[in-house]
Amino acid sequence: MSACEFDLTRFLDSYADSPEILHEILTLYATEAPERIEALEEALGSRDCAKLSRAAHSLANTGGTLHASAVVDLARATEAAARAADTDACARIVPQLIVAVRAVIDAVESYRSAEG
């Protein structure tokens, strides 16, 4: 799975009639996704499965909104592993999830910069 399985065109088409909502979603993602990454890193470091599950769940939801399939798949896998208290699986999946989220953040920021 590519880290940047993110269909920006599909996302933009979904909100073509609502540019205000589109802008709000992109702004929220650019702001909140780095916070979720930090939460994942902290929770993984402390082996806090409940926090891992919450952060992953949040990323799965926002990833779905953005049509970021890699984020959704990895976040769901992280959430499932965390719910099963499988910290070894979380330790394998979370770094991949972080790479995928950062790729989407980069794509969102590039789009927002181009839009001015």
PDB file of N, CA and C in Angstrom:
ATOM      1  N   MET A   1       0.845  -1.178   0.000  1.00  0.00           N
ATOM      2  CA  MET A   1       0.000   0.000   0.000  1.00  0.00           C
ATOM      3  C   MET A   1       0.888   1.238   0.000  1.00  0.00           C
ATOM      4  N   SER A   2       0.587   2.144  -0.891  1.00  0.00           N
ATOM      5  CA  SER A   2       1.329   3.405  -0.968  1.00  0.00           C
ATOM      6  C   SER A   2       0.943   4.299   0.194  1.00  0.00           C
ATOM      7  N   ALA A   3       1.935   5.009   0.738  1.00  0.00           N
ATOM      8  CA  ALA A   3       1.658   5.906   1.869  1.00  0.00           C
ATOM      9  C   ALA A   3       0.690   7.006   1.481  1.00  0.00           C
ATOM     10  N   CYS A   4       0.692   7.368   0.202  1.00  0.00           N
ATOM     11  CA  CYS A   4      -0.161   8.479  -0.204  1.00  0.00           C
ATOM     12  C   CYS A   4      -1.292   8.006  -1.102  1.00  0.00           C
ATOM     13  N   GLU A   5      -2.040   7.018  -0.638  1.00  0.00           N
ATOM     14  CA  GLU A   5      -3.264   6.647  -1.328  1.00  0.00           C
ATOM     15  C   GLU A   5      -4.322   7.634  -0.869  1.00  0.00           C
ATOM     16  N   PHE A   6      -4.317   8.775  -1.535  1.00  0.00           N
ATOM     17  CA  PHE A   6      -5.178   9.891  -1.174  1.00  0.00           C
ATOM     18  C   PHE A   6      -5.724  10.444  -2.468  1.00  0.00           C
ATOM     19  N   ASP A   7      -7.022  10.344  -2.647  1.00  0.00           N
ATOM     20  CA  ASP A   7      -7.657  10.782  -3.879  1.00  0.00           C
ATOM     21  C   ASP A   7      -8.170  12.202  -3.702  1.00  0.00           C
ATOM     22  N   LEU A   8      -7.255  13.162  -3.864  1.00  0.00           N
ATOM     23  CA  LEU A   8      -7.602  14.572  -3.682  1.00  0.00           C
ATOM     24  C   LEU A   8      -8.696  14.988  -4.645  1.00  0.00           C
ATOM     25  N   THR A   9      -8.622  14.534  -5.874  1.00  0.00           N
ATOM     26  CA  THR A   9      -9.637  14.911  -6.865  1.00  0.00           C
ATOM     27  C   THR A   9     -11.018  14.433  -6.434  1.00  0.00           C
ATOM     28  N   ARG A  10     -11.097  13.207  -5.981  1.00  0.00           N
ATOM     29  CA  ARG A  10     -12.386  12.664  -5.518  1.00  0.00           C
ATOM     30  C   ARG A  10     -12.907  13.462  -4.324  1.00  0.00           C
ATOM     31  N   PHE A  11     -12.019  13.789  -3.400  1.00  0.00           N
ATOM     32  CA  PHE A  11     -12.420  14.599  -2.251  1.00  0.00           C
ATOM     33  C   PHE A  11     -12.929  15.963  -2.704  1.00  0.00           C
ATOM     34  N   LEU A  12     -12.172  16.630  -3.571  1.00  0.00           N
ATOM     35  CA  LEU A  12     -12.578  17.959  -4.052  1.00  0.00           C
ATOM     36  C   LEU A  12     -13.910  17.887  -4.785  1.00  0.00           C
ATOM     37  N   ASP A  13     -14.103  16.858  -5.586  1.00  0.00           N
ATOM     38  CA  ASP A  13     -15.369  16.686  -6.303  1.00  0.00           C
ATOM     39  C   ASP A  13     -16.536  16.504  -5.332  1.00  0.00           C
ATOM     40  N   SER A  14     -16.283  15.832  -4.216  1.00  0.00           N
ATOM     41  CA  SER A  14     -17.333  15.597  -3.219  1.00  0.00           C
ATOM     42  C   SER A  14     -17.870  16.897  -2.629  1.00  0.00           C
ATOM     43  N   TYR A  15     -17.029  17.914  -2.598  1.00  0.00           N
ATOM     44  CA  TYR A  15     -17.411  19.184  -1.972  1.00  0.00           C
ATOM     45  C   TYR A  15     -17.388  20.345  -2.963  1.00  0.00           C
ATOM     46  N   ALA A  16     -17.501  20.042  -4.244  1.00  0.00           N
ATOM     47  CA  ALA A  16     -17.428  21.079  -5.280  1.00  0.00           C
ATOM     48  C   ALA A  16     -18.491  22.154  -5.096  1.00  0.00           C
ATOM     49  N   ASP A  17     -19.646  21.774  -4.587  1.00  0.00           N
ATOM     50  CA  ASP A  17     -20.731  22.735  -4.391  1.00  0.00           C
ATOM     51  C   ASP A  17     -20.681  23.427  -3.032  1.00  0.00           C
ATOM     52  N   SER A  18     -19.694  23.078  -2.221  1.00  0.00           N
ATOM     53  CA  SER A  18     -19.591  23.625  -0.866  1.00  0.00           C
ATOM     54  C   SER A  18     -18.156  24.054  -0.572  1.00  0.00           C
ATOM     55  N   PRO A  19     -17.668  25.089  -1.235  1.00  0.00           N
ATOM     56  CA  PRO A  19     -16.268  25.476  -1.029  1.00  0.00           C
ATOM     57  C   PRO A  19     -15.950  25.881   0.411  1.00  0.00           C
ATOM     58  N   GLU A  20     -16.939  26.399   1.135  1.00  0.00           N
ATOM     59  CA  GLU A  20     -16.684  26.782   2.528  1.00  0.00           C
ATOM     60  C   GLU A  20     -16.425  25.544   3.381  1.00  0.00           C
ATOM     61  N   ILE A  21     -17.226  24.510   3.157  1.00  0.00           N
ATOM     62  CA  ILE A  21     -17.054  23.264   3.910  1.00  0.00           C
ATOM     63  C   ILE A  21     -15.728  22.614   3.529  1.00  0.00           C
ATOM     64  N   LEU A  22     -15.410  22.606   2.242  1.00  0.00           N
ATOM     65  CA  LEU A  22     -14.147  22.065   1.766  1.00  0.00           C
ATOM     66  C   LEU A  22     -12.984  22.748   2.472  1.00  0.00           C
ATOM     67  N   HIS A  23     -13.003  24.060   2.489  1.00  0.00           N
ATOM     68  CA  HIS A  23     -11.930  24.818   3.145  1.00  0.00           C
ATOM     69  C   HIS A  23     -11.857  24.484   4.634  1.00  0.00           C
ATOM     70  N   GLU A  24     -13.008  24.381   5.284  1.00  0.00           N
ATOM     71  CA  GLU A  24     -13.036  24.079   6.719  1.00  0.00           C
ATOM     72  C   GLU A  24     -12.467  22.698   7.004  1.00  0.00           C
ATOM     73  N   ILE A  25     -12.829  21.711   6.197  1.00  0.00           N
ATOM     74  CA  ILE A  25     -12.328  20.350   6.396  1.00  0.00           C
ATOM     75  C   ILE A  25     -10.810  20.314   6.226  1.00  0.00           C
ATOM     76  N   LEU A  26     -10.313  20.963   5.180  1.00  0.00           N
ATOM     77  CA  LEU A  26      -8.871  20.969   4.944  1.00  0.00           C
ATOM     78  C   LEU A  26      -8.125  21.694   6.057  1.00  0.00           C
ATOM     79  N   THR A  27      -8.679  22.793   6.519  1.00  0.00           N
ATOM     80  CA  THR A  27      -8.051  23.543   7.610  1.00  0.00           C
ATOM     81  C   THR A  27      -8.025  22.708   8.890  1.00  0.00           C
ATOM     82  N   LEU A  28      -9.124  22.060   9.205  1.00  0.00           N
ATOM     83  CA  LEU A  28      -9.175  21.214  10.398  1.00  0.00           C
ATOM     84  C   LEU A  28      -8.181  20.058  10.308  1.00  0.00           C
ATOM     85  N   TYR A  29      -8.104  19.436   9.133  1.00  0.00           N
ATOM     86  CA  TYR A  29      -7.177  18.324   8.990  1.00  0.00           C
ATOM     87  C   TYR A  29      -5.739  18.793   9.167  1.00  0.00           C
ATOM     88  N   ALA A  30      -5.411  19.896   8.536  1.00  0.00           N
ATOM     89  CA  ALA A  30      -4.040  20.423   8.630  1.00  0.00           C
ATOM     90  C   ALA A  30      -3.678  20.771  10.069  1.00  0.00           C
ATOM     91  N   THR A  31      -4.667  21.151  10.851  1.00  0.00           N
ATOM     92  CA  THR A  31      -4.442  21.519  12.245  1.00  0.00           C
ATOM     93  C   THR A  31      -4.461  20.309  13.175  1.00  0.00           C
ATOM     94  N   GLU A  32      -5.446  19.437  12.974  1.00  0.00           N
ATOM     95  CA  GLU A  32      -5.664  18.348  13.923  1.00  0.00           C
ATOM     96  C   GLU A  32      -4.850  17.084  13.642  1.00  0.00           C
ATOM     97  N   ALA A  33      -4.536  16.818  12.391  1.00  0.00           N
ATOM     98  CA  ALA A  33      -3.782  15.592  12.088  1.00  0.00           C
ATOM     99  C   ALA A  33      -2.420  15.555  12.789  1.00  0.00           C
ATOM    100  N   PRO A  34      -1.673  16.677  12.800  1.00  0.00           N
ATOM    101  CA  PRO A  34      -0.405  16.637  13.549  1.00  0.00           C
ATOM    102  C   PRO A  34      -0.615  16.359  15.051  1.00  0.00           C
ATOM    103  N   GLU A  35      -1.718  16.834  15.593  1.00  0.00           N
ATOM    104  CA  GLU A  35      -2.028  16.557  16.996  1.00  0.00           C
ATOM    105  C   GLU A  35      -2.317  15.070  17.199  1.00  0.00           C
ATOM    106  N   ARG A  36      -3.002  14.444  16.235  1.00  0.00           N
ATOM    107  CA  ARG A  36      -3.279  13.009  16.326  1.00  0.00           C
ATOM    108  C   ARG A  36      -1.985  12.206  16.204  1.00  0.00           C
ATOM    109  N   ILE A  37      -1.066  12.667  15.345  1.00  0.00           N
ATOM    110  CA  ILE A  37       0.240  11.996  15.245  1.00  0.00           C
ATOM    111  C   ILE A  37       0.948  12.041  16.594  1.00  0.00           C
ATOM    112  N   GLU A  38       0.948  13.202  17.202  1.00  0.00           N
ATOM    113  CA  GLU A  38       1.578  13.340  18.519  1.00  0.00           C
ATOM    114  C   GLU A  38       0.915  12.427  19.538  1.00  0.00           C
ATOM    115  N   ALA A  39      -0.415  12.344  19.503  1.00  0.00           N
ATOM    116  CA  ALA A  39      -1.140  11.464  20.424  1.00  0.00           C
ATOM    117  C   ALA A  39      -0.769  10.005  20.188  1.00  0.00           C
ATOM    118  N   LEU A  40      -0.643   9.610  18.919  1.00  0.00           N
ATOM    119  CA  LEU A  40      -0.234   8.242  18.602  1.00  0.00           C
ATOM    120  C   LEU A  40       1.154   7.939  19.160  1.00  0.00           C
ATOM    121  N   GLU A  41       2.085   8.863  18.930  1.00  0.00           N
ATOM    122  CA  GLU A  41       3.461   8.656  19.391  1.00  0.00           C
ATOM    123  C   GLU A  41       3.518   8.556  20.914  1.00  0.00           C
ATOM    124  N   GLU A  42       2.807   9.432  21.591  1.00  0.00           N
ATOM    125  CA  GLU A  42       2.794   9.400  23.057  1.00  0.00           C
ATOM    126  C   GLU A  42       2.154   8.114  23.572  1.00  0.00           C
ATOM    127  N   ALA A  43       1.025   7.740  22.974  1.00  0.00           N
ATOM    128  CA  ALA A  43       0.315   6.544  23.422  1.00  0.00           C
ATOM    129  C   ALA A  43       1.142   5.291  23.148  1.00  0.00           C
ATOM    130  N   LEU A  44       1.819   5.253  22.010  1.00  0.00           N
ATOM    131  CA  LEU A  44       2.659   4.105  21.698  1.00  0.00           C
ATOM    132  C   LEU A  44       3.823   4.022  22.683  1.00  0.00           C
ATOM    133  N   GLY A  45       4.416   5.168  22.976  1.00  0.00           N
ATOM    134  CA  GLY A  45       5.538   5.199  23.914  1.00  0.00           C
ATOM    135  C   GLY A  45       5.152   4.734  25.309  1.00  0.00           C
ATOM    136  N   SER A  46       3.933   5.050  25.713  1.00  0.00           N
ATOM    137  CA  SER A  46       3.475   4.646  27.047  1.00  0.00           C
ATOM    138  C   SER A  46       2.662   3.347  27.019  1.00  0.00           C
ATOM    139  N   ARG A  47       2.516   2.770  25.819  1.00  0.00           N
ATOM    140  CA  ARG A  47       1.756   1.525  25.633  1.00  0.00           C
ATOM    141  C   ARG A  47       0.327   1.667  26.121  1.00  0.00           C
ATOM    142  N   ASP A  48      -0.248   2.845  25.870  1.00  0.00           N
ATOM    143  CA  ASP A  48      -1.617   3.145  26.290  1.00  0.00           C
ATOM    144  C   ASP A  48      -2.574   2.797  25.147  1.00  0.00           C
ATOM    145  N   CYS A  49      -3.128   1.607  25.203  1.00  0.00           N
ATOM    146  CA  CYS A  49      -3.977   1.110  24.121  1.00  0.00           C
ATOM    147  C   CYS A  49      -5.263   1.916  23.966  1.00  0.00           C
ATOM    148  N   ALA A  50      -5.824   2.411  25.049  1.00  0.00           N
ATOM    149  CA  ALA A  50      -7.050   3.202  24.940  1.00  0.00           C
ATOM    150  C   ALA A  50      -6.791   4.491  24.153  1.00  0.00           C
ATOM    151  N   LYS A  51      -5.687   5.151  24.447  1.00  0.00           N
ATOM    152  CA  LYS A  51      -5.346   6.380  23.710  1.00  0.00           C
ATOM    153  C   LYS A  51      -4.985   6.078  22.264  1.00  0.00           C
ATOM    154  N   LEU A  52      -4.293   4.980  22.032  1.00  0.00           N
ATOM    155  CA  LEU A  52      -3.980   4.570  20.664  1.00  0.00           C
ATOM    156  C   LEU A  52      -5.264   4.349  19.871  1.00  0.00           C
ATOM    157  N   SER A  53      -6.201   3.665  20.484  1.00  0.00           N
ATOM    158  CA  SER A  53      -7.466   3.377  19.820  1.00  0.00           C
ATOM    159  C   SER A  53      -8.225   4.658  19.481  1.00  0.00           C
ATOM    160  N   ARG A  54      -8.281   5.596  20.423  1.00  0.00           N
ATOM    161  CA  ARG A  54      -8.996   6.867  20.185  1.00  0.00           C
ATOM    162  C   ARG A  54      -8.350   7.681  19.075  1.00  0.00           C
ATOM    163  N   ALA A  55      -7.039   7.801  19.112  1.00  0.00           N
ATOM    164  CA  ALA A  55      -6.340   8.579  18.080  1.00  0.00           C
ATOM    165  C   ALA A  55      -6.504   7.926  16.712  1.00  0.00           C
ATOM    166  N   ALA A  56      -6.386   6.612  16.658  1.00  0.00           N
ATOM    167  CA  ALA A  56      -6.548   5.901  15.391  1.00  0.00           C
ATOM    168  C   ALA A  56      -7.971   6.028  14.869  1.00  0.00           C
ATOM    169  N   HIS A  57      -8.943   5.936  15.759  1.00  0.00           N
ATOM    170  CA  HIS A  57     -10.345   6.079  15.353  1.00  0.00           C
ATOM    171  C   HIS A  57     -10.589   7.454  14.736  1.00  0.00           C
ATOM    172  N   SER A  58     -10.066   8.471  15.362  1.00  0.00           N
ATOM    173  CA  SER A  58     -10.198   9.832  14.837  1.00  0.00           C
ATOM    174  C   SER A  58      -9.566   9.952  13.451  1.00  0.00           C
ATOM    175  N   LEU A  59      -8.384   9.384  13.279  1.00  0.00           N
ATOM    176  CA  LEU A  59      -7.710   9.435  11.980  1.00  0.00           C
ATOM    177  C   LEU A  59      -8.460   8.632  10.918  1.00  0.00           C
ATOM    178  N   ALA A  60      -9.072   7.529  11.304  1.00  0.00           N
ATOM    179  CA  ALA A  60      -9.865   6.747  10.349  1.00  0.00           C
ATOM    180  C   ALA A  60     -11.055   7.568   9.863  1.00  0.00           C
ATOM    181  N   ASN A  61     -11.707   8.262  10.778  1.00  0.00           N
ATOM    182  CA  ASN A  61     -12.864   9.081  10.401  1.00  0.00           C
ATOM    183  C   ASN A  61     -12.478  10.205   9.453  1.00  0.00           C
ATOM    184  N   THR A  62     -11.461  10.962   9.813  1.00  0.00           N
ATOM    185  CA  THR A  62     -11.068  12.087   8.960  1.00  0.00           C
ATOM    186  C   THR A  62     -10.449  11.587   7.662  1.00  0.00           C
ATOM    187  N   GLY A  63      -9.743  10.490   7.724  1.00  0.00           N
ATOM    188  CA  GLY A  63      -9.188   9.905   6.507  1.00  0.00           C
ATOM    189  C   GLY A  63     -10.287   9.485   5.542  1.00  0.00           C
ATOM    190  N   GLY A  64     -11.362   8.955   6.075  1.00  0.00           N
ATOM    191  CA  GLY A  64     -12.498   8.580   5.240  1.00  0.00           C
ATOM    192  C   GLY A  64     -13.116   9.787   4.561  1.00  0.00           C
ATOM    193  N   THR A  65     -13.259  10.858   5.297  1.00  0.00           N
ATOM    194  CA  THR A  65     -13.809  12.091   4.732  1.00  0.00           C
ATOM    195  C   THR A  65     -12.956  12.583   3.573  1.00  0.00           C
ATOM    196  N   LEU A  66     -11.637  12.442   3.709  1.00  0.00           N
ATOM    197  CA  LEU A  66     -10.707  12.931   2.690  1.00  0.00           C
ATOM    198  C   LEU A  66     -10.425  11.906   1.582  1.00  0.00           C
ATOM    199  N   HIS A  67     -11.043  10.732   1.661  1.00  0.00           N
ATOM    200  CA  HIS A  67     -10.789   9.664   0.694  1.00  0.00           C
ATOM    201  C   HIS A  67      -9.311   9.249   0.710  1.00  0.00           C
ATOM    202  N   ALA A  68      -8.738   9.213   1.907  1.00  0.00           N
ATOM    203  CA  ALA A  68      -7.343   8.806   2.098  1.00  0.00           C
ATOM    204  C   ALA A  68      -7.338   7.340   2.531  1.00  0.00           C
ATOM    205  N   SER A  69      -7.376   6.445   1.554  1.00  0.00           N
ATOM    206  CA  SER A  69      -7.565   5.026   1.848  1.00  0.00           C
ATOM    207  C   SER A  69      -6.438   4.418   2.680  1.00  0.00           C
ATOM    208  N   ALA A  70      -5.205   4.834   2.440  1.00  0.00           N
ATOM    209  CA  ALA A  70      -4.099   4.283   3.227  1.00  0.00           C
ATOM    210  C   ALA A  70      -4.250   4.665   4.698  1.00  0.00           C
ATOM    211  N   VAL A  71      -4.628   5.907   4.957  1.00  0.00           N
ATOM    212  CA  VAL A  71      -4.838   6.348   6.342  1.00  0.00           C
ATOM    213  C   VAL A  71      -5.963   5.549   6.977  1.00  0.00           C
ATOM    214  N   VAL A  72      -7.062   5.400   6.263  1.00  0.00           N
ATOM    215  CA  VAL A  72      -8.205   4.666   6.808  1.00  0.00           C
ATOM    216  C   VAL A  72      -7.809   3.231   7.139  1.00  0.00           C
ATOM    217  N   ASP A  73      -7.180   2.545   6.198  1.00  0.00           N
ATOM    218  CA  ASP A  73      -6.819   1.141   6.417  1.00  0.00           C
ATOM    219  C   ASP A  73      -5.846   0.972   7.581  1.00  0.00           C
ATOM    220  N   LEU A  74      -4.824   1.806   7.618  1.00  0.00           N
ATOM    221  CA  LEU A  74      -3.834   1.704   8.692  1.00  0.00           C
ATOM    222  C   LEU A  74      -4.400   2.137  10.036  1.00  0.00           C
ATOM    223  N   ALA A  75      -5.253   3.145  10.035  1.00  0.00           N
ATOM    224  CA  ALA A  75      -5.876   3.589  11.288  1.00  0.00           C
ATOM    225  C   ALA A  75      -6.812   2.518  11.837  1.00  0.00           C
ATOM    226  N   ARG A  76      -7.568   1.888  10.959  1.00  0.00           N
ATOM    227  CA  ARG A  76      -8.455   0.803  11.410  1.00  0.00           C
ATOM    228  C   ARG A  76      -7.648  -0.377  11.950  1.00  0.00           C
ATOM    229  N   ALA A  77      -6.542  -0.686  11.294  1.00  0.00           N
ATOM    230  CA  ALA A  77      -5.685  -1.777  11.782  1.00  0.00           C
ATOM    231  C   ALA A  77      -5.090  -1.431  13.141  1.00  0.00           C
ATOM    232  N   THR A  78      -4.682  -0.170  13.305  1.00  0.00           N
ATOM    233  CA  THR A  78      -4.146   0.283  14.595  1.00  0.00           C
ATOM    234  C   THR A  78      -5.216   0.213  15.663  1.00  0.00           C
ATOM    235  N   GLU A  79      -6.402   0.682  15.323  1.00  0.00           N
ATOM    236  CA  GLU A  79      -7.501   0.660  16.297  1.00  0.00           C
ATOM    237  C   GLU A  79      -7.828  -0.769  16.727  1.00  0.00           C
ATOM    238  N   ALA A  80      -7.880  -1.681  15.778  1.00  0.00           N
ATOM    239  CA  ALA A  80      -8.164  -3.077  16.107  1.00  0.00           C
ATOM    240  C   ALA A  80      -7.066  -3.681  16.978  1.00  0.00           C
ATOM    241  N   ALA A  81      -5.818  -3.406  16.635  1.00  0.00           N
ATOM    242  CA  ALA A  81      -4.705  -3.925  17.437  1.00  0.00           C
ATOM    243  C   ALA A  81      -4.731  -3.342  18.841  1.00  0.00           C
ATOM    244  N   ALA A  82      -5.033  -2.053  18.939  1.00  0.00           N
ATOM    245  CA  ALA A  82      -5.081  -1.416  20.256  1.00  0.00           C
ATOM    246  C   ALA A  82      -6.218  -1.990  21.099  1.00  0.00           C
ATOM    247  N   ARG A  83      -7.362  -2.212  20.476  1.00  0.00           N
ATOM    248  CA  ARG A  83      -8.491  -2.797  21.219  1.00  0.00           C
ATOM    249  C   ARG A  83      -8.178  -4.206  21.698  1.00  0.00           C
ATOM    250  N   ALA A  84      -7.326  -4.900  20.949  1.00  0.00           N
ATOM    251  CA  ALA A  84      -6.901  -6.251  21.338  1.00  0.00           C
ATOM    252  C   ALA A  84      -5.697  -6.208  22.278  1.00  0.00           C
ATOM    253  N   ALA A  85      -5.258  -4.992  22.626  1.00  0.00           N
ATOM    254  CA  ALA A  85      -4.085  -4.794  23.490  1.00  0.00           C
ATOM    255  C   ALA A  85      -2.838  -5.427  22.892  1.00  0.00           C
ATOM    256  N   ASP A  86      -2.757  -5.441  21.567  1.00  0.00           N
ATOM    257  CA  ASP A  86      -1.607  -6.003  20.867  1.00  0.00           C
ATOM    258  C   ASP A  86      -0.616  -4.868  20.575  1.00  0.00           C
ATOM    259  N   THR A  87       0.177  -4.552  21.573  1.00  0.00           N
ATOM    260  CA  THR A  87       1.096  -3.425  21.439  1.00  0.00           C
ATOM    261  C   THR A  87       2.214  -3.711  20.431  1.00  0.00           C
ATOM    262  N   ASP A  88       2.545  -4.980  20.230  1.00  0.00           N
ATOM    263  CA  ASP A  88       3.554  -5.307  19.221  1.00  0.00           C
ATOM    264  C   ASP A  88       3.030  -4.969  17.821  1.00  0.00           C
ATOM    265  N   ALA A  89       1.780  -5.304  17.553  1.00  0.00           N
ATOM    266  CA  ALA A  89       1.177  -4.965  16.260  1.00  0.00           C
ATOM    267  C   ALA A  89       1.080  -3.452  16.113  1.00  0.00           C
ATOM    268  N   CYS A  90       0.688  -2.775  17.171  1.00  0.00           N
ATOM    269  CA  CYS A  90       0.620  -1.305  17.135  1.00  0.00           C
ATOM    270  C   CYS A  90       1.984  -0.723  16.795  1.00  0.00           C
ATOM    271  N   ALA A  91       3.019  -1.279  17.396  1.00  0.00           N
ATOM    272  CA  ALA A  91       4.377  -0.779  17.151  1.00  0.00           C
ATOM    273  C   ALA A  91       4.797  -0.969  15.696  1.00  0.00           C
ATOM    274  N   ARG A  92       4.243  -1.980  15.036  1.00  0.00           N
ATOM    275  CA  ARG A  92       4.542  -2.199  13.616  1.00  0.00           C
ATOM    276  C   ARG A  92       3.701  -1.288  12.715  1.00  0.00           C
ATOM    277  N   ILE A  93       2.456  -1.051  13.093  1.00  0.00           N
ATOM    278  CA  ILE A  93       1.512  -0.341  12.223  1.00  0.00           C
ATOM    279  C   ILE A  93       1.603   1.178  12.372  1.00  0.00           C
ATOM    280  N   VAL A  94       1.751   1.656  13.591  1.00  0.00           N
ATOM    281  CA  VAL A  94       1.714   3.104  13.835  1.00  0.00           C
ATOM    282  C   VAL A  94       2.730   3.878  12.994  1.00  0.00           C
ATOM    283  N   PRO A  95       3.969   3.431  12.866  1.00  0.00           N
ATOM    284  CA  PRO A  95       4.898   4.201  12.019  1.00  0.00           C
ATOM    285  C   PRO A  95       4.410   4.332  10.572  1.00  0.00           C
ATOM    286  N   GLN A  96       3.798   3.276  10.051  1.00  0.00           N
ATOM    287  CA  GLN A  96       3.243   3.334   8.698  1.00  0.00           C
ATOM    288  C   GLN A  96       2.072   4.318   8.633  1.00  0.00           C
ATOM    289  N   LEU A  97       1.248   4.301   9.671  1.00  0.00           N
ATOM    290  CA  LEU A  97       0.116   5.227   9.742  1.00  0.00           C
ATOM    291  C   LEU A  97       0.615   6.665   9.778  1.00  0.00           C
ATOM    292  N   ILE A  98       1.633   6.924  10.542  1.00  0.00           N
ATOM    293  CA  ILE A  98       2.181   8.281  10.641  1.00  0.00           C
ATOM    294  C   ILE A  98       2.706   8.747   9.278  1.00  0.00           C
ATOM    295  N   VAL A  99       3.390   7.873   8.560  1.00  0.00           N
ATOM    296  CA  VAL A  99       3.877   8.226   7.221  1.00  0.00           C
ATOM    297  C   VAL A  99       2.693   8.560   6.305  1.00  0.00           C
ATOM    298  N   ALA A 100       1.650   7.751   6.364  1.00  0.00           N
ATOM    299  CA  ALA A 100       0.474   7.988   5.514  1.00  0.00           C
ATOM    300  C   ALA A 100      -0.210   9.305   5.869  1.00  0.00           C
ATOM    301  N   VAL A 101      -0.352   9.587   7.155  1.00  0.00           N
ATOM    302  CA  VAL A 101      -0.989  10.836   7.590  1.00  0.00           C
ATOM    303  C   VAL A 101      -0.142  12.027   7.147  1.00  0.00           C
ATOM    304  N   ARG A 102       1.161  11.925   7.315  1.00  0.00           N
ATOM    305  CA  ARG A 102       2.030  13.036   6.894  1.00  0.00           C
ATOM    306  C   ARG A 102       1.947  13.273   5.385  1.00  0.00           C
ATOM    307  N   ALA A 103       1.809  12.204   4.617  1.00  0.00           N
ATOM    308  CA  ALA A 103       1.666  12.355   3.161  1.00  0.00           C
ATOM    309  C   ALA A 103       0.389  13.113   2.824  1.00  0.00           C
ATOM    310  N   VAL A 104      -0.682  12.824   3.538  1.00  0.00           N
ATOM    311  CA  VAL A 104      -1.936  13.534   3.302  1.00  0.00           C
ATOM    312  C   VAL A 104      -1.818  14.985   3.769  1.00  0.00           C
ATOM    313  N   ILE A 105      -1.192  15.200   4.916  1.00  0.00           N
ATOM    314  CA  ILE A 105      -0.968  16.577   5.383  1.00  0.00           C
ATOM    315  C   ILE A 105      -0.211  17.359   4.313  1.00  0.00           C
ATOM    316  N   ASP A 106       0.838  16.768   3.761  1.00  0.00           N
ATOM    317  CA  ASP A 106       1.621  17.439   2.721  1.00  0.00           C
ATOM    318  C   ASP A 106       0.759  17.765   1.505  1.00  0.00           C
ATOM    319  N   ALA A 107      -0.076  16.821   1.084  1.00  0.00           N
ATOM    320  CA  ALA A 107      -0.947  17.050  -0.068  1.00  0.00           C
ATOM    321  C   ALA A 107      -1.964  18.148   0.226  1.00  0.00           C
ATOM    322  N   VAL A 108      -2.521  18.139   1.426  1.00  0.00           N
ATOM    323  CA  VAL A 108      -3.486  19.169   1.826  1.00  0.00           C
ATOM    324  C   VAL A 108      -2.812  20.534   1.858  1.00  0.00           C
ATOM    325  N   GLU A 109      -1.628  20.589   2.446  1.00  0.00           N
ATOM    326  CA  GLU A 109      -0.909  21.867   2.522  1.00  0.00           C
ATOM    327  C   GLU A 109      -0.528  22.375   1.138  1.00  0.00           C
ATOM    328  N   SER A 110      -0.131  21.494   0.253  1.00  0.00           N
ATOM    329  CA  SER A 110       0.199  21.890  -1.125  1.00  0.00           C
ATOM    330  C   SER A 110      -1.024  22.464  -1.821  1.00  0.00           C
ATOM    331  N   TYR A 111      -2.153  21.788  -1.645  1.00  0.00           N
ATOM    332  CA  TYR A 111      -3.388  22.285  -2.254  1.00  0.00           C
ATOM    333  C   TYR A 111      -3.763  23.655  -1.684  1.00  0.00           C
ATOM    334  N   ARG A 112      -3.706  23.763  -0.361  1.00  0.00           N
ATOM    335  CA  ARG A 112      -4.074  25.030   0.270  1.00  0.00           C
ATOM    336  C   ARG A 112      -3.144  26.167  -0.157  1.00  0.00           C
ATOM    337  N   SER A 113      -1.864  25.874  -0.306  1.00  0.00           N
ATOM    338  CA  SER A 113      -0.895  26.891  -0.767  1.00  0.00           C
ATOM    339  C   SER A 113      -1.190  27.327  -2.190  1.00  0.00           C
ATOM    340  N   ALA A 114      -1.524  26.377  -3.037  1.00  0.00           N
ATOM    341  CA  ALA A 114      -1.828  26.692  -4.435  1.00  0.00           C
ATOM    342  C   ALA A 114      -3.107  27.504  -4.564  1.00  0.00           C
ATOM    343  N   GLU A 115      -4.036  27.268  -3.651  1.00  0.00           N
ATOM    344  CA  GLU A 115      -5.309  27.985  -3.674  1.00  0.00           C
ATOM    345  C   GLU A 115      -5.169  29.394  -3.121  1.00  0.00           C
ATOM    346  N   GLY A 116      -4.105  29.623  -2.359  1.00  0.00           N
ATOM    347  CA  GLY A 116      -3.801  30.933  -1.807  1.00  0.00           C
ATOM    348  C   GLY A 116      -4.729  31.314  -0.752  1.00  0.00           C
TER     349      GLY A 116
END
